[in-house]
Amino acid sequence: MMIEMHTRKFLTEQYTEAHFEALLQLMDKLHDAATVNNVTAVSPLSAREIIGWLDDIIFTAEETIRELQANMDPVPAESAKVYSDN
């Protein structure tokens, strides 16, 4: 029963910029720890376990991006924003 309530709340929660910012900060903290070879300071998981989770997260994020892009309305070329100087 408790799992069902948690799942229902999770699936109906709205994702805001704050949620994505928190996720980015969490990932950045993990990256900082990995950079100095001190992941044990931020996680009890082994490096292999973390890599497995990150692979799953990356796969899911890439799939989500593809699905969002597939459902987007085409943007006319003249109104498309350019985010690169190249």
Protein backbone atom coordinates (compact mmCIF):
# COMPACT_ATOMS: atom_id res chain seq x y z
CA MET A 1 0.00 0.00 0.00
CA MET A 2 2.77 2.45 0.93
CA ILE A 3 4.66 1.65 -2.28
CA GLU A 4 1.53 2.25 -4.35
CA MET A 5 0.99 5.65 -2.69
CA HIS A 6 4.63 6.61 -3.26
CA THR A 7 4.49 5.47 -6.90
CA ARG A 8 1.27 7.40 -7.53
CA LYS A 9 2.76 10.57 -6.02
CA PHE A 10 5.97 10.10 -8.01
CA LEU A 11 4.15 9.68 -11.31
CA THR A 12 1.90 12.71 -10.80
CA GLU A 13 4.58 15.09 -9.52
CA GLN A 14 5.39 18.00 -11.80
CA TYR A 15 9.03 18.38 -12.81
CA THR A 16 10.19 21.95 -12.36
CA GLU A 17 13.45 23.75 -12.98
CA ALA A 18 14.21 23.19 -9.28
CA HIS A 19 14.02 19.42 -9.77
CA PHE A 20 16.39 19.51 -12.73
CA GLU A 21 18.74 21.88 -10.90
CA ALA A 22 18.83 19.51 -7.90
CA LEU A 23 19.60 16.58 -10.20
CA LEU A 24 22.36 18.53 -11.91
CA GLN A 25 23.88 19.53 -8.56
CA LEU A 26 23.78 15.91 -7.38
CA MET A 27 25.53 14.75 -10.55
CA ASP A 28 28.08 17.57 -10.29
CA LYS A 29 28.88 16.60 -6.69
CA LEU A 30 29.44 13.00 -7.80
CA HIS A 31 31.63 14.22 -10.67
CA ASP A 32 33.70 16.37 -8.30
CA ALA A 33 34.26 13.36 -6.03
CA ALA A 34 35.19 11.13 -8.98
CA THR A 35 37.65 13.75 -10.23
CA VAL A 36 39.66 13.49 -7.01
CA ASN A 37 39.13 9.71 -6.71
CA ASN A 38 37.03 10.09 -3.56
CA VAL A 39 33.58 8.76 -4.51
CA THR A 40 33.36 6.97 -1.15
CA ALA A 41 32.93 10.43 0.41
CA VAL A 42 29.59 10.87 -1.37
CA SER A 43 28.28 7.32 -1.90
CA PRO A 44 28.40 3.91 -0.24
CA LEU A 45 28.09 2.29 -3.68
CA SER A 46 31.07 0.79 -5.49
CA ALA A 47 32.40 2.44 -8.62
CA ARG A 48 30.93 -0.42 -10.71
CA GLU A 49 27.50 0.10 -9.13
CA ILE A 50 27.65 3.84 -9.75
CA ILE A 51 28.68 3.26 -13.36
CA GLY A 52 25.73 0.89 -13.78
CA TRP A 53 23.33 3.49 -12.40
CA LEU A 54 24.86 6.23 -14.55
CA ASP A 55 24.57 4.04 -17.66
CA ASP A 56 20.86 3.51 -16.88
CA ILE A 57 20.34 7.23 -16.22
CA ILE A 58 22.09 8.19 -19.46
CA PHE A 59 20.10 5.65 -21.48
CA THR A 60 16.81 6.87 -19.99
CA ALA A 61 17.73 10.53 -20.51
CA GLU A 62 18.69 9.93 -24.15
CA GLU A 63 15.48 8.00 -24.80
CA THR A 64 13.45 10.77 -23.15
CA ILE A 65 15.18 13.40 -25.31
CA ARG A 66 14.41 11.41 -28.48
CA GLU A 67 10.77 10.99 -27.48
CA LEU A 68 10.38 14.66 -26.61
CA GLN A 69 12.02 15.71 -29.88
CA ALA A 70 9.83 13.34 -31.88
CA ASN A 71 6.72 14.96 -30.40
CA MET A 72 7.83 18.58 -30.78
CA ASP A 73 6.27 20.84 -33.34
CA PRO A 74 8.77 21.77 -36.03
CA VAL A 75 10.26 25.22 -35.48
CA PRO A 76 10.51 27.42 -38.58
CA ALA A 77 14.18 27.99 -39.46
CA GLU A 78 13.90 31.78 -39.19
CA SER A 79 12.67 31.60 -35.58
CA ALA A 80 15.01 28.84 -34.37
CA LYS A 81 17.41 29.92 -31.65
CA VAL A 82 21.09 29.32 -32.18
CA TYR A 83 23.02 28.35 -29.05
CA SER A 84 26.45 27.96 -30.60
CA ASP A 85 28.91 30.48 -31.95
CA ASN A 86 30.02 27.99 -34.62
